[in-house]
Protein backbone atom coordinates (compact mmCIF):
# COMPACT_ATOMS: atom_id res chain seq x y z
CA MET A 1 0.00 0.00 0.00
CA ARG A 2 2.75 2.47 0.89
CA LEU A 3 4.55 1.78 -2.38
CA ARG A 4 1.33 2.58 -4.23
CA LEU A 5 1.01 5.80 -2.22
CA ALA A 6 4.61 6.72 -2.98
CA VAL A 7 4.02 6.22 -6.71
CA THR A 8 0.90 8.37 -6.40
CA ALA A 9 2.97 11.03 -4.65
CA VAL A 10 5.51 11.11 -7.47
CA ALA A 11 2.67 11.38 -10.01
CA ILE A 12 1.25 14.31 -8.04
CA ALA A 13 4.69 15.89 -8.01
CA THR A 14 4.90 15.60 -11.78
CA VAL A 15 1.54 17.34 -12.19
CA PHE A 16 2.55 20.12 -9.81
CA THR A 17 5.88 20.58 -11.58
CA ALA A 18 4.25 20.79 -14.98
CA SER A 19 1.37 23.04 -14.03
CA SER A 20 2.66 25.30 -11.26
CA PRO A 21 1.93 29.01 -11.77
CA SER A 22 4.77 31.44 -12.07
CA ALA A 23 6.43 32.60 -8.86
CA GLY A 24 4.91 35.63 -7.22
CA ARG A 25 1.38 35.09 -8.55
CA SER A 26 -0.98 34.20 -5.71
CA GLN A 27 -2.74 30.88 -6.29
CA VAL A 28 -3.90 29.95 -2.78
CA ASP A 29 -5.98 26.77 -2.92
CA ALA A 30 -9.71 27.46 -2.80
CA SER A 31 -10.00 24.84 -0.04
CA VAL A 32 -7.97 27.04 2.31
CA PRO A 33 -10.24 28.98 4.68
CA GLN A 34 -10.16 32.70 3.98
CA ALA A 35 -8.67 33.57 7.38
CA ILE A 36 -5.82 31.10 6.89
CA ALA A 37 -5.24 32.29 3.32
CA ALA A 38 -4.94 35.85 4.64
CA LEU A 39 -2.53 34.68 7.35
CA LEU A 40 -0.37 32.86 4.81
CA GLN A 41 -0.23 35.99 2.70
CA ARG A 42 0.80 38.09 5.71
CA ILE A 43 3.62 35.66 6.51
CA ARG A 44 4.91 35.83 2.95
CA THR A 45 4.69 39.63 2.89
CA ALA A 46 6.72 39.87 6.11
CA ASP A 47 9.26 37.30 4.89
CA THR A 48 11.95 39.78 3.85
CA GLY A 49 14.65 37.15 4.32
CA GLN A 50 12.90 34.82 1.85
CA LEU A 51 12.97 31.94 4.31
CA ALA A 52 9.52 30.61 3.47
CA VAL A 53 8.94 28.07 0.72
CA SER A 54 7.12 29.24 -2.40
CA GLU A 55 3.33 29.08 -2.38
CA GLU A 56 3.48 26.32 -5.00
CA ASP A 57 5.75 24.26 -2.75
CA GLY A 58 3.46 24.88 0.22
CA ARG A 59 0.41 23.62 -1.65
CA PHE A 60 2.40 20.63 -2.87
CA LEU A 61 3.45 19.71 0.69
CA ARG A 62 -0.14 19.80 1.85
CA VAL A 63 -1.29 17.54 -0.98
CA LEU A 64 1.62 15.15 -0.43
CA VAL A 65 0.85 14.75 3.27
CA GLY A 66 -2.76 13.99 2.42
CA ALA A 67 -2.00 11.71 -0.53
CA THR A 68 0.39 9.53 1.47
CA GLY A 69 -1.82 9.50 4.56
CA ALA A 70 1.10 10.62 6.71
CA LYS A 71 0.26 10.51 10.41
CA ARG A 72 3.59 11.46 11.97
CA VAL A 73 5.27 14.37 10.22
CA LEU A 74 8.50 16.12 11.18
CA GLU A 75 9.66 19.47 9.85
CA ILE A 76 13.20 20.72 10.47
CA GLY A 77 13.36 24.46 9.89
CA ALA A 78 9.99 26.11 10.50
CA ALA A 79 11.07 29.74 9.96
CA SER A 80 7.86 31.70 10.69
CA GLY A 81 5.58 28.75 10.03
CA TYR A 82 4.55 29.16 6.40
CA SER A 83 5.27 25.59 5.28
CA THR A 84 4.22 24.42 8.75
CA ILE A 85 0.70 25.71 8.21
CA TRP A 86 0.42 24.09 4.79
CA MET A 87 1.48 20.71 6.20
CA GLY A 88 -0.67 21.30 9.27
CA LEU A 89 -3.68 21.49 6.97
CA GLY A 90 -2.54 18.16 5.54
CA VAL A 91 -2.26 16.39 8.89
CA ARG A 92 -5.64 17.80 9.86
CA ASP A 93 -7.04 15.76 6.97
CA THR A 94 -5.09 12.58 7.81
CA GLY A 95 -5.75 12.70 11.53
CA GLY A 96 -2.03 13.00 12.14
CA ARG A 97 0.35 15.24 14.02
CA LEU A 98 3.22 17.51 12.98
CA VAL A 99 6.26 18.48 15.02
CA THR A 100 8.30 21.37 13.64
CA ILE A 101 11.66 22.52 14.98
CA GLU A 102 13.09 26.02 14.57
CA PHE A 103 16.57 27.01 15.75
CA ASP A 104 16.01 30.77 15.92
CA ALA A 105 14.06 31.65 19.07
CA VAL A 106 12.33 34.71 17.57
CA ARG A 107 11.19 32.83 14.48
CA ALA A 108 10.06 29.89 16.64
CA ARG A 109 7.80 32.24 18.61
CA GLU A 110 6.44 33.67 15.37
CA ALA A 111 5.77 30.18 14.05
CA ALA A 112 3.97 29.17 17.24
CA THR A 113 1.83 32.32 17.12
CA ASN A 114 0.98 31.73 13.47
CA VAL A 115 0.06 28.10 14.13
CA VAL A 116 -2.35 29.24 16.86
CA GLN A 117 -3.85 31.88 14.58
CA ALA A 118 -4.33 29.23 11.90
CA GLY A 119 -6.29 27.11 14.38
CA LEU A 120 -3.81 24.24 14.11
CA ALA A 121 -2.34 24.16 17.60
CA ASP A 122 -4.09 20.86 18.35
CA VAL A 123 -2.26 19.07 15.52
CA VAL A 124 1.02 21.05 15.27
CA ARG A 125 3.71 21.43 17.93
CA VAL A 126 6.46 24.01 17.50
CA VAL A 127 9.76 23.22 19.21
CA ALA A 128 12.39 25.91 19.65
CA GLY A 129 16.02 24.84 19.65
CA ASP A 130 18.78 22.94 17.91
CA ALA A 131 17.24 20.14 15.86
CA PHE A 132 20.33 17.97 16.36
CA LYS A 133 19.49 18.00 20.06
CA GLN A 134 15.71 18.06 19.80
CA VAL A 135 15.13 15.25 17.30
CA PRO A 136 16.60 12.54 19.58
CA LYS A 137 14.10 13.62 22.25
CA LEU A 138 11.13 12.85 20.00
CA GLU A 139 9.55 9.43 20.33
CA GLY A 140 8.76 7.06 17.51
CA ASP A 141 9.33 7.13 13.76
CA PHE A 142 8.14 9.50 11.04
CA ASP A 143 6.00 8.87 7.97
CA LEU A 144 7.17 12.09 6.30
CA VAL A 145 10.06 14.44 7.02
CA PHE A 146 10.53 17.89 5.47
CA LEU A 147 14.01 19.40 5.80
CA ASP A 148 14.50 23.12 5.19
CA ALA A 149 17.36 24.15 7.44
CA TRP A 150 21.02 25.19 7.05
CA LYS A 151 21.99 23.62 3.73
CA PRO A 152 25.53 22.43 4.58
CA ASP A 153 23.99 20.40 7.43
CA TYR A 154 21.60 18.44 5.20
CA LYS A 155 23.78 15.32 5.13
CA LYS A 156 24.06 15.32 8.93
CA PHE A 157 20.29 15.65 9.26
CA PHE A 158 19.76 12.86 6.76
CA ASP A 159 22.07 10.58 8.73
CA LEU A 160 20.23 11.46 11.94
CA VAL A 161 16.65 11.19 10.73
CA PHE A 162 16.46 8.76 7.80
CA PRO A 163 16.89 5.71 10.07
CA ARG A 164 13.69 6.83 11.80
CA VAL A 165 11.62 7.22 8.63
CA THR A 166 9.07 4.44 8.40
CA ARG A 167 9.42 1.87 5.64
CA GLY A 168 7.51 3.32 2.71
CA GLY A 169 7.86 6.82 4.18
CA LEU A 170 9.28 9.96 2.59
CA PHE A 171 12.24 12.22 3.38
CA LEU A 172 11.90 15.58 1.60
CA ALA A 173 14.52 18.31 1.36
CA HIS A 174 14.05 21.86 0.08
CA ASN A 175 16.24 24.05 -2.16
CA VAL A 176 17.96 21.11 -3.85
CA ILE A 177 17.95 22.95 -7.20
CA ASN A 178 18.65 26.59 -6.43
CA LYS A 179 21.13 25.81 -3.61
CA ARG A 180 22.47 22.47 -4.75
CA SER A 181 26.08 23.71 -4.54
CA GLU A 182 25.68 24.00 -0.76
CA MET A 183 24.81 20.32 -0.20
CA PRO A 184 26.82 18.05 -2.53
CA ASP A 185 27.39 15.38 0.15
CA PHE A 186 23.66 15.17 0.86
CA LEU A 187 22.74 14.93 -2.81
CA ARG A 188 25.19 12.05 -3.23
CA ALA A 189 23.90 10.29 -0.13
CA ILE A 190 20.26 10.21 -1.21
CA GLN A 191 21.26 8.72 -4.55
CA VAL A 192 23.50 5.94 -3.25
CA HIS A 193 21.84 4.93 0.03
CA PRO A 194 20.72 1.30 -0.36
CA GLU A 195 17.32 1.95 1.19
CA ALA A 196 16.60 5.13 -0.76
CA LEU A 197 14.76 5.78 -4.00
CA THR A 198 15.03 9.46 -4.91
CA THR A 199 13.60 11.87 -7.42
CA THR A 200 13.56 15.67 -7.60
CA VAL A 201 10.54 17.84 -8.32
CA SER A 202 10.08 21.59 -8.63
CA PRO A 203 6.54 22.78 -7.89
CA GLY A 204 8.00 26.28 -7.45
CA HIS A 205 11.54 27.07 -8.49
CA GLU A 206 13.70 25.94 -5.55
CA GLY A 207 13.40 22.18 -5.97
CA ILE A 208 12.39 19.43 -3.53
CA SER A 209 14.11 16.06 -3.34
CA MET A 210 11.75 13.18 -2.56
CA THR A 211 13.44 10.15 -1.04
CA TYR A 212 11.25 7.08 -0.60
CA LYS A 213 12.44 4.59 2.03
CA ARG A 214 12.26 1.17 0.48
CA ARG A 215 10.41 -1.57 2.33
């Protein structure tokens, strides 16, 4: 079943990549409540450091969570909670839970506030701190992981977290196209790992690697 879901996820990724609107043009999904859509727009407007994923990537993450039925989702690098909210909408549909970790204390507080304003505090937990220290404190495995942190650390995060991805689960990493020069060791690792099957999609323009953990 999970293999079928993974294939479905890749098919969805292909559709998103082929049909995504151009960057900067608002295309918030009609299924997003108006208040949450307005909140997402405010986060993007305030994102002067361009830390948030593109809107296309956010919508893709929500669909992917729902399509795979992910129950336990981990995000490393919440920033102000833009991608967190998109995935939070996804776990709301699956009956799952999302834990997101943000290193910067100010951004972690912003993310927590935004999660509350989105009405997702019952399914999303924001953790402030160093993910290398916080991840080992979390119990259980993860059906889906989304990594969007310091790029040179991607390989270290992969080594830490991929063993805890469920068989048939997904490990996603952001900016693998526009910042690929900052993570060559990670990009090699996801191609050669014996338990990994990897493809790259680009719903927006930054690129997301999708690594399926073989059963």
